[in-house]
Amino acid sequence: MDKNGPIIIIEDDADDQFVLEEVFGELGYSNERMYFSDGQSALDFLYTSKELPFIIISDINLPQLNGLELRRKLQTDAELSLKCIPYVYFTTAINQQVVIDAYSTSAQGFFVKPGEFGEIKETIKVMIDYWKRCAAPNNF
């Protein structure tokens, strides 16, 4: 995790991407935001990029490679695993089984997308501020 690295957002809904960009703009975080509409394109980027992302914020229901499948691939790839990139789910998919499945992938958080802009903003702020304060092995 590089606290100044890009924030990877994996979200297939263009309207949600727009709202998230508005939220990040209002919150004033300086991290570049990179949007991917499916898990496979995000995985391809992570395999080929030299950049060390700050955090991955992922929906669960995604085309090609869903959020759970992507997390499992990142978790089992030795090189990507060593990057210590926090992986949190930000999704509308909510039931007990989905939450169990998400945490079985060793995700570092599961957040339900609120319906109101102000609540989305507060959720993102809590998420980012928490990880800005956390230490990771590659921060030293």
N, C-alpha and C. Protein backbone atom coordinates (compact mmCIF):
# COMPACT_ATOMS: atom_id res chain seq x y z
N MET A 1 0.84 -1.18 0.00
CA MET A 1 0.00 0.00 0.00
C MET A 1 0.89 1.24 0.00
N ASP A 2 0.59 2.13 -0.92
CA ASP A 2 1.25 3.43 -0.98
C ASP A 2 0.17 4.47 -0.70
N LYS A 3 0.26 5.15 0.41
CA LYS A 3 -0.80 6.08 0.81
C LYS A 3 -1.00 7.21 -0.19
N ASN A 4 -0.02 7.43 -1.06
CA ASN A 4 -0.16 8.43 -2.11
C ASN A 4 -0.47 7.81 -3.46
N GLY A 5 -0.59 6.49 -3.49
CA GLY A 5 -0.85 5.78 -4.73
C GLY A 5 -2.29 5.94 -5.19
N PRO A 6 -2.57 5.44 -6.37
CA PRO A 6 -3.93 5.58 -6.91
C PRO A 6 -4.95 4.77 -6.12
N ILE A 7 -6.15 5.26 -6.13
CA ILE A 7 -7.30 4.54 -5.57
C ILE A 7 -7.94 3.81 -6.73
N ILE A 8 -7.99 2.48 -6.64
CA ILE A 8 -8.59 1.66 -7.68
C ILE A 8 -10.05 1.45 -7.32
N ILE A 9 -10.94 1.85 -8.22
CA ILE A 9 -12.37 1.70 -8.00
C ILE A 9 -12.92 0.81 -9.10
N ILE A 10 -13.50 -0.31 -8.69
CA ILE A 10 -14.03 -1.27 -9.65
C ILE A 10 -15.55 -1.23 -9.53
N GLU A 11 -16.16 -0.57 -10.49
CA GLU A 11 -17.59 -0.29 -10.48
C GLU A 11 -18.10 -0.28 -11.91
N ASP A 12 -19.09 -1.11 -12.20
CA ASP A 12 -19.57 -1.20 -13.58
C ASP A 12 -20.70 -0.24 -13.91
N ASP A 13 -21.23 0.45 -12.92
CA ASP A 13 -22.33 1.39 -13.15
C ASP A 13 -21.76 2.80 -13.36
N ALA A 14 -21.98 3.36 -14.55
CA ALA A 14 -21.43 4.68 -14.89
C ALA A 14 -21.96 5.77 -13.96
N ASP A 15 -23.23 5.67 -13.56
CA ASP A 15 -23.79 6.66 -12.64
C ASP A 15 -23.10 6.60 -11.28
N ASP A 16 -22.83 5.39 -10.80
CA ASP A 16 -22.13 5.25 -9.52
C ASP A 16 -20.70 5.77 -9.63
N GLN A 17 -20.05 5.53 -10.76
CA GLN A 17 -18.70 6.08 -10.97
C GLN A 17 -18.74 7.60 -10.90
N PHE A 18 -19.73 8.20 -11.54
CA PHE A 18 -19.87 9.66 -11.54
C PHE A 18 -20.05 10.17 -10.11
N VAL A 19 -20.93 9.54 -9.36
CA VAL A 19 -21.19 9.96 -7.97
C VAL A 19 -19.92 9.82 -7.14
N LEU A 20 -19.23 8.71 -7.29
CA LEU A 20 -18.01 8.51 -6.52
C LEU A 20 -16.95 9.57 -6.86
N GLU A 21 -16.84 9.92 -8.12
CA GLU A 21 -15.87 10.95 -8.49
C GLU A 21 -16.26 12.30 -7.88
N GLU A 22 -17.55 12.60 -7.85
CA GLU A 22 -18.02 13.83 -7.19
C GLU A 22 -17.68 13.80 -5.70
N VAL A 23 -17.90 12.67 -5.05
CA VAL A 23 -17.59 12.51 -3.63
C VAL A 23 -16.09 12.74 -3.39
N PHE A 24 -15.26 12.06 -4.16
CA PHE A 24 -13.81 12.22 -3.97
C PHE A 24 -13.38 13.66 -4.24
N GLY A 25 -14.00 14.29 -5.22
CA GLY A 25 -13.68 15.69 -5.50
C GLY A 25 -14.01 16.59 -4.32
N GLU A 26 -15.17 16.37 -3.72
CA GLU A 26 -15.56 17.18 -2.56
C GLU A 26 -14.69 16.91 -1.35
N LEU A 27 -14.26 15.66 -1.19
CA LEU A 27 -13.44 15.31 -0.03
C LEU A 27 -12.00 15.80 -0.18
N GLY A 28 -11.56 16.04 -1.39
CA GLY A 28 -10.26 16.65 -1.62
C GLY A 28 -9.05 15.74 -1.47
N TYR A 29 -9.23 14.44 -1.54
CA TYR A 29 -8.07 13.55 -1.50
C TYR A 29 -7.24 13.74 -2.77
N SER A 30 -5.94 13.76 -2.61
CA SER A 30 -5.07 14.03 -3.76
C SER A 30 -4.77 12.78 -4.58
N ASN A 31 -5.12 11.60 -4.08
CA ASN A 31 -4.84 10.37 -4.81
C ASN A 31 -5.57 10.35 -6.15
N GLU A 32 -4.85 9.91 -7.17
CA GLU A 32 -5.49 9.67 -8.47
C GLU A 32 -6.53 8.57 -8.28
N ARG A 33 -7.64 8.69 -8.96
CA ARG A 33 -8.65 7.63 -8.97
C ARG A 33 -8.63 6.95 -10.32
N MET A 34 -8.63 5.63 -10.30
CA MET A 34 -8.65 4.85 -11.53
C MET A 34 -9.89 3.96 -11.48
N TYR A 35 -10.71 4.08 -12.51
CA TYR A 35 -11.97 3.34 -12.55
C TYR A 35 -11.88 2.18 -13.54
N PHE A 36 -12.40 1.04 -13.12
CA PHE A 36 -12.49 -0.14 -13.97
C PHE A 36 -13.91 -0.65 -13.89
N SER A 37 -14.46 -1.05 -15.03
CA SER A 37 -15.86 -1.49 -15.05
C SER A 37 -16.01 -3.00 -14.91
N ASP A 38 -14.89 -3.71 -14.79
CA ASP A 38 -14.97 -5.15 -14.55
C ASP A 38 -13.71 -5.59 -13.83
N GLY A 39 -13.81 -6.73 -13.17
CA GLY A 39 -12.69 -7.24 -12.39
C GLY A 39 -11.49 -7.65 -13.23
N GLN A 40 -11.74 -8.15 -14.43
CA GLN A 40 -10.63 -8.61 -15.27
C GLN A 40 -9.73 -7.47 -15.71
N SER A 41 -10.32 -6.34 -16.09
CA SER A 41 -9.48 -5.22 -16.51
C SER A 41 -8.68 -4.66 -15.33
N ALA A 42 -9.27 -4.67 -14.14
CA ALA A 42 -8.53 -4.24 -12.95
C ALA A 42 -7.38 -5.20 -12.67
N LEU A 43 -7.63 -6.50 -12.78
CA LEU A 43 -6.59 -7.49 -12.56
C LEU A 43 -5.46 -7.32 -13.57
N ASP A 44 -5.81 -7.12 -14.83
CA ASP A 44 -4.80 -6.90 -15.87
C ASP A 44 -3.93 -5.70 -15.54
N PHE A 45 -4.55 -4.62 -15.08
CA PHE A 45 -3.80 -3.43 -14.69
C PHE A 45 -2.84 -3.75 -13.54
N LEU A 46 -3.35 -4.43 -12.52
CA LEU A 46 -2.53 -4.74 -11.35
C LEU A 46 -1.35 -5.64 -11.70
N TYR A 47 -1.54 -6.54 -12.65
CA TYR A 47 -0.44 -7.42 -13.08
C TYR A 47 0.64 -6.65 -13.85
N THR A 48 0.23 -5.63 -14.60
CA THR A 48 1.18 -4.97 -15.50
C THR A 48 1.72 -3.65 -14.97
N SER A 49 1.08 -3.06 -14.00
CA SER A 49 1.49 -1.74 -13.51
C SER A 49 2.61 -1.85 -12.48
N LYS A 50 3.48 -0.89 -12.53
CA LYS A 50 4.53 -0.78 -11.51
C LYS A 50 4.04 0.04 -10.31
N GLU A 51 2.89 0.71 -10.49
CA GLU A 51 2.35 1.54 -9.41
C GLU A 51 1.88 0.68 -8.25
N LEU A 52 1.98 1.23 -7.06
CA LEU A 52 1.49 0.56 -5.88
C LEU A 52 0.22 1.30 -5.43
N PRO A 53 -0.94 0.71 -5.68
CA PRO A 53 -2.19 1.39 -5.31
C PRO A 53 -2.31 1.57 -3.80
N PHE A 54 -3.08 2.57 -3.44
CA PHE A 54 -3.38 2.85 -2.04
C PHE A 54 -4.45 1.89 -1.53
N ILE A 55 -5.52 1.73 -2.29
CA ILE A 55 -6.65 0.91 -1.86
C ILE A 55 -7.44 0.47 -3.09
N ILE A 56 -8.11 -0.66 -2.96
CA ILE A 56 -9.03 -1.13 -3.99
C ILE A 56 -10.42 -1.11 -3.38
N ILE A 57 -11.32 -0.40 -4.04
CA ILE A 57 -12.72 -0.34 -3.64
C ILE A 57 -13.50 -1.05 -4.73
N SER A 58 -14.14 -2.16 -4.37
CA SER A 58 -14.74 -3.01 -5.39
C SER A 58 -16.20 -3.32 -5.14
N ASP A 59 -16.97 -3.23 -6.20
CA ASP A 59 -18.33 -3.76 -6.16
C ASP A 59 -18.20 -5.28 -6.16
N ILE A 60 -19.28 -5.97 -5.87
CA ILE A 60 -19.25 -7.44 -5.92
C ILE A 60 -19.75 -7.93 -7.26
N ASN A 61 -20.91 -7.43 -7.69
CA ASN A 61 -21.50 -7.89 -8.95
C ASN A 61 -20.87 -7.13 -10.11
N LEU A 62 -19.95 -7.80 -10.79
CA LEU A 62 -19.22 -7.20 -11.90
C LEU A 62 -19.19 -8.18 -13.07
N PRO A 63 -19.10 -7.65 -14.29
CA PRO A 63 -18.97 -8.56 -15.43
C PRO A 63 -17.56 -9.17 -15.49
N GLN A 64 -17.45 -10.25 -16.21
CA GLN A 64 -16.21 -10.98 -16.48
C GLN A 64 -15.60 -11.64 -15.25
N LEU A 65 -15.27 -10.87 -14.26
CA LEU A 65 -14.65 -11.38 -13.04
C LEU A 65 -15.25 -10.58 -11.90
N ASN A 66 -16.08 -11.22 -11.06
CA ASN A 66 -16.76 -10.44 -10.03
C ASN A 66 -15.79 -10.09 -8.89
N GLY A 67 -16.25 -9.26 -7.98
CA GLY A 67 -15.40 -8.78 -6.91
C GLY A 67 -14.83 -9.87 -6.03
N LEU A 68 -15.62 -10.90 -5.76
CA LEU A 68 -15.15 -12.01 -4.94
C LEU A 68 -14.07 -12.81 -5.66
N GLU A 69 -14.29 -13.07 -6.93
CA GLU A 69 -13.29 -13.81 -7.72
C GLU A 69 -11.99 -13.01 -7.83
N LEU A 70 -12.13 -11.71 -8.05
CA LEU A 70 -10.94 -10.87 -8.15
C LEU A 70 -10.14 -10.89 -6.85
N ARG A 71 -10.83 -10.75 -5.74
CA ARG A 71 -10.14 -10.75 -4.44
C ARG A 71 -9.40 -12.07 -4.23
N ARG A 72 -10.02 -13.18 -4.58
CA ARG A 72 -9.37 -14.48 -4.43
C ARG A 72 -8.09 -14.56 -5.27
N LYS A 73 -8.16 -14.03 -6.49
CA LYS A 73 -6.97 -14.04 -7.36
C LYS A 73 -5.85 -13.19 -6.77
N LEU A 74 -6.19 -12.03 -6.24
CA LEU A 74 -5.18 -11.16 -5.64
C LEU A 74 -4.57 -11.81 -4.40
N GLN A 75 -5.41 -12.49 -3.66
CA GLN A 75 -4.99 -13.12 -2.42
C GLN A 75 -4.04 -14.29 -2.67
N THR A 76 -4.24 -15.00 -3.77
CA THR A 76 -3.45 -16.20 -4.03
C THR A 76 -2.24 -15.94 -4.93
N ASP A 77 -2.11 -14.74 -5.46
CA ASP A 77 -0.95 -14.39 -6.28
C ASP A 77 0.12 -13.82 -5.36
N ALA A 78 1.25 -14.50 -5.27
CA ALA A 78 2.30 -14.11 -4.32
C ALA A 78 2.79 -12.69 -4.53
N GLU A 79 3.02 -12.30 -5.78
CA GLU A 79 3.54 -10.96 -6.06
C GLU A 79 2.53 -9.88 -5.69
N LEU A 80 1.27 -10.07 -6.10
CA LEU A 80 0.25 -9.07 -5.78
C LEU A 80 -0.06 -9.05 -4.29
N SER A 81 -0.04 -10.19 -3.67
CA SER A 81 -0.30 -10.27 -2.23
C SER A 81 0.71 -9.46 -1.43
N LEU A 82 1.96 -9.46 -1.87
CA LEU A 82 3.01 -8.73 -1.15
C LEU A 82 2.85 -7.21 -1.23
N LYS A 83 2.04 -6.75 -2.16
CA LYS A 83 1.82 -5.30 -2.27
C LYS A 83 0.95 -4.77 -1.13
N CYS A 84 0.30 -5.67 -0.40
CA CYS A 84 -0.50 -5.29 0.78
C CYS A 84 -1.52 -4.20 0.46
N ILE A 85 -2.25 -4.36 -0.63
CA ILE A 85 -3.24 -3.36 -1.03
C ILE A 85 -4.55 -3.65 -0.29
N PRO A 86 -5.03 -2.73 0.53
CA PRO A 86 -6.31 -2.96 1.19
C PRO A 86 -7.41 -3.17 0.15
N TYR A 87 -8.28 -4.12 0.42
CA TYR A 87 -9.36 -4.47 -0.50
C TYR A 87 -10.67 -4.39 0.27
N VAL A 88 -11.51 -3.45 -0.12
CA VAL A 88 -12.81 -3.30 0.54
C VAL A 88 -13.91 -3.39 -0.50
N TYR A 89 -15.01 -3.96 -0.06
CA TYR A 89 -16.19 -4.05 -0.92
C TYR A 89 -17.09 -2.86 -0.63
N PHE A 90 -17.65 -2.30 -1.70
CA PHE A 90 -18.60 -1.19 -1.62
C PHE A 90 -19.70 -1.55 -2.60
N THR A 91 -20.80 -2.06 -2.09
CA THR A 91 -21.78 -2.70 -2.95
C THR A 91 -23.20 -2.54 -2.44
N THR A 92 -24.14 -2.75 -3.33
CA THR A 92 -25.56 -2.80 -2.94
C THR A 92 -25.98 -4.24 -2.68
N ALA A 93 -25.16 -5.20 -3.09
CA ALA A 93 -25.47 -6.62 -2.89
C ALA A 93 -25.30 -6.93 -1.41
N ILE A 94 -26.40 -7.15 -0.72
CA ILE A 94 -26.30 -7.38 0.71
C ILE A 94 -27.25 -8.48 1.16
N ASN A 95 -26.68 -9.52 1.64
CA ASN A 95 -27.39 -10.56 2.38
C ASN A 95 -26.33 -11.29 3.17
N GLN A 96 -26.75 -12.12 4.10
CA GLN A 96 -25.79 -12.76 4.98
C GLN A 96 -24.76 -13.58 4.22
N GLN A 97 -25.18 -14.31 3.19
CA GLN A 97 -24.24 -15.15 2.46
C GLN A 97 -23.19 -14.34 1.72
N VAL A 98 -23.61 -13.21 1.13
CA VAL A 98 -22.65 -12.36 0.42
C VAL A 98 -21.60 -11.81 1.39
N VAL A 99 -22.03 -11.41 2.58
CA VAL A 99 -21.09 -10.89 3.57
C VAL A 99 -20.13 -11.99 4.02
N ILE A 100 -20.65 -13.19 4.24
CA ILE A 100 -19.80 -14.32 4.62
C ILE A 100 -18.79 -14.60 3.51
N ASP A 101 -19.28 -14.64 2.27
CA ASP A 101 -18.38 -14.89 1.13
C ASP A 101 -17.30 -13.82 1.04
N ALA A 102 -17.69 -12.56 1.26
CA ALA A 102 -16.72 -11.46 1.17
C ALA A 102 -15.63 -11.60 2.22
N TYR A 103 -16.01 -11.87 3.44
CA TYR A 103 -15.00 -11.98 4.49
C TYR A 103 -14.19 -13.27 4.38
N SER A 104 -14.73 -14.27 3.68
CA SER A 104 -13.96 -15.49 3.47
C SER A 104 -12.79 -15.24 2.51
N THR A 105 -12.82 -14.12 1.79
CA THR A 105 -11.72 -13.74 0.91
C THR A 105 -10.71 -12.85 1.62
N SER A 106 -10.84 -12.72 2.92
CA SER A 106 -9.96 -11.87 3.74
C SER A 106 -10.02 -10.41 3.33
N ALA A 107 -11.19 -9.96 2.92
CA ALA A 107 -11.37 -8.55 2.62
C ALA A 107 -11.19 -7.74 3.90
N GLN A 108 -10.76 -6.50 3.75
CA GLN A 108 -10.55 -5.65 4.91
C GLN A 108 -11.76 -4.79 5.24
N GLY A 109 -12.85 -4.97 4.52
CA GLY A 109 -14.07 -4.22 4.83
C GLY A 109 -15.18 -4.54 3.86
N PHE A 110 -16.39 -4.36 4.35
CA PHE A 110 -17.59 -4.55 3.54
C PHE A 110 -18.52 -3.39 3.86
N PHE A 111 -18.74 -2.53 2.88
CA PHE A 111 -19.57 -1.35 3.07
C PHE A 111 -20.75 -1.43 2.10
N VAL A 112 -21.93 -1.13 2.63
CA VAL A 112 -23.13 -1.09 1.80
C VAL A 112 -23.28 0.32 1.25
N LYS A 113 -23.50 0.41 -0.07
CA LYS A 113 -23.66 1.72 -0.70
C LYS A 113 -24.95 2.37 -0.19
N PRO A 114 -24.81 3.51 0.45
CA PRO A 114 -26.02 4.24 0.87
C PRO A 114 -26.69 4.87 -0.35
N GLY A 115 -27.93 5.28 -0.17
CA GLY A 115 -28.66 5.89 -1.26
C GLY A 115 -28.47 7.40 -1.38
N GLU A 116 -28.10 8.04 -0.31
CA GLU A 116 -27.97 9.50 -0.29
C GLU A 116 -26.52 9.93 -0.48
N PHE A 117 -26.33 11.00 -1.23
CA PHE A 117 -24.98 11.51 -1.53
C PHE A 117 -24.18 11.77 -0.26
N GLY A 118 -24.79 12.44 0.71
CA GLY A 118 -24.08 12.76 1.96
C GLY A 118 -23.62 11.51 2.70
N GLU A 119 -24.44 10.46 2.66
CA GLU A 119 -24.07 9.22 3.33
C GLU A 119 -22.94 8.50 2.58
N ILE A 120 -22.99 8.56 1.26
CA ILE A 120 -21.90 7.98 0.46
C ILE A 120 -20.60 8.71 0.79
N LYS A 121 -20.67 10.02 0.85
CA LYS A 121 -19.50 10.84 1.16
C LYS A 121 -18.93 10.49 2.53
N GLU A 122 -19.79 10.33 3.52
CA GLU A 122 -19.33 9.98 4.87
C GLU A 122 -18.71 8.59 4.90
N THR A 123 -19.29 7.65 4.17
CA THR A 123 -18.76 6.28 4.13
C THR A 123 -17.38 6.27 3.49
N ILE A 124 -17.23 6.96 2.36
CA ILE A 124 -15.93 7.03 1.69
C ILE A 124 -14.90 7.70 2.59
N LYS A 125 -15.29 8.76 3.27
CA LYS A 125 -14.37 9.47 4.17
C LYS A 125 -13.88 8.55 5.28
N VAL A 126 -14.78 7.81 5.90
CA VAL A 126 -14.39 6.86 6.95
C VAL A 126 -13.42 5.82 6.40
N MET A 127 -13.75 5.28 5.23
CA MET A 127 -12.95 4.25 4.60
C MET A 127 -11.52 4.76 4.31
N ILE A 128 -11.42 5.90 3.66
CA ILE A 128 -10.12 6.42 3.24
C ILE A 128 -9.32 6.91 4.45
N ASP A 129 -9.96 7.62 5.36
CA ASP A 129 -9.25 8.12 6.53
C ASP A 129 -8.68 6.98 7.37
N TYR A 130 -9.43 5.90 7.51
CA TYR A 130 -8.95 4.74 8.26
C TYR A 130 -7.66 4.21 7.63
N TRP A 131 -7.67 4.00 6.31
CA TRP A 131 -6.50 3.41 5.65
C TRP A 131 -5.35 4.40 5.55
N LYS A 132 -5.63 5.69 5.56
CA LYS A 132 -4.54 6.68 5.58
C LYS A 132 -3.76 6.58 6.90
N ARG A 133 -4.43 6.16 7.97
CA ARG A 133 -3.80 6.07 9.28
C ARG A 133 -3.14 4.71 9.54
N CYS A 134 -3.52 3.69 8.78
CA CYS A 134 -2.98 2.34 9.00
C CYS A 134 -1.56 2.21 8.48
N ALA A 135 -0.79 1.39 9.17
CA ALA A 135 0.55 1.06 8.71
C ALA A 135 0.51 -0.28 7.98
N ALA A 136 1.33 -0.40 6.98
CA ALA A 136 1.46 -1.66 6.23
C ALA A 136 2.96 -1.98 6.14
N PRO A 137 3.30 -3.25 5.95
CA PRO A 137 4.71 -3.62 5.91
C PRO A 137 5.54 -2.84 4.89
N ASN A 138 4.91 -2.45 3.77
CA ASN A 138 5.70 -1.76 2.75
C ASN A 138 5.64 -0.23 2.89
N ASN A 139 5.20 0.28 4.05
CA ASN A 139 5.22 1.72 4.33
C ASN A 139 6.57 2.19 4.87
N PHE A 140 7.47 1.26 5.10
CA PHE A 140 8.74 1.61 5.76
C PHE A 140 9.89 1.60 4.78
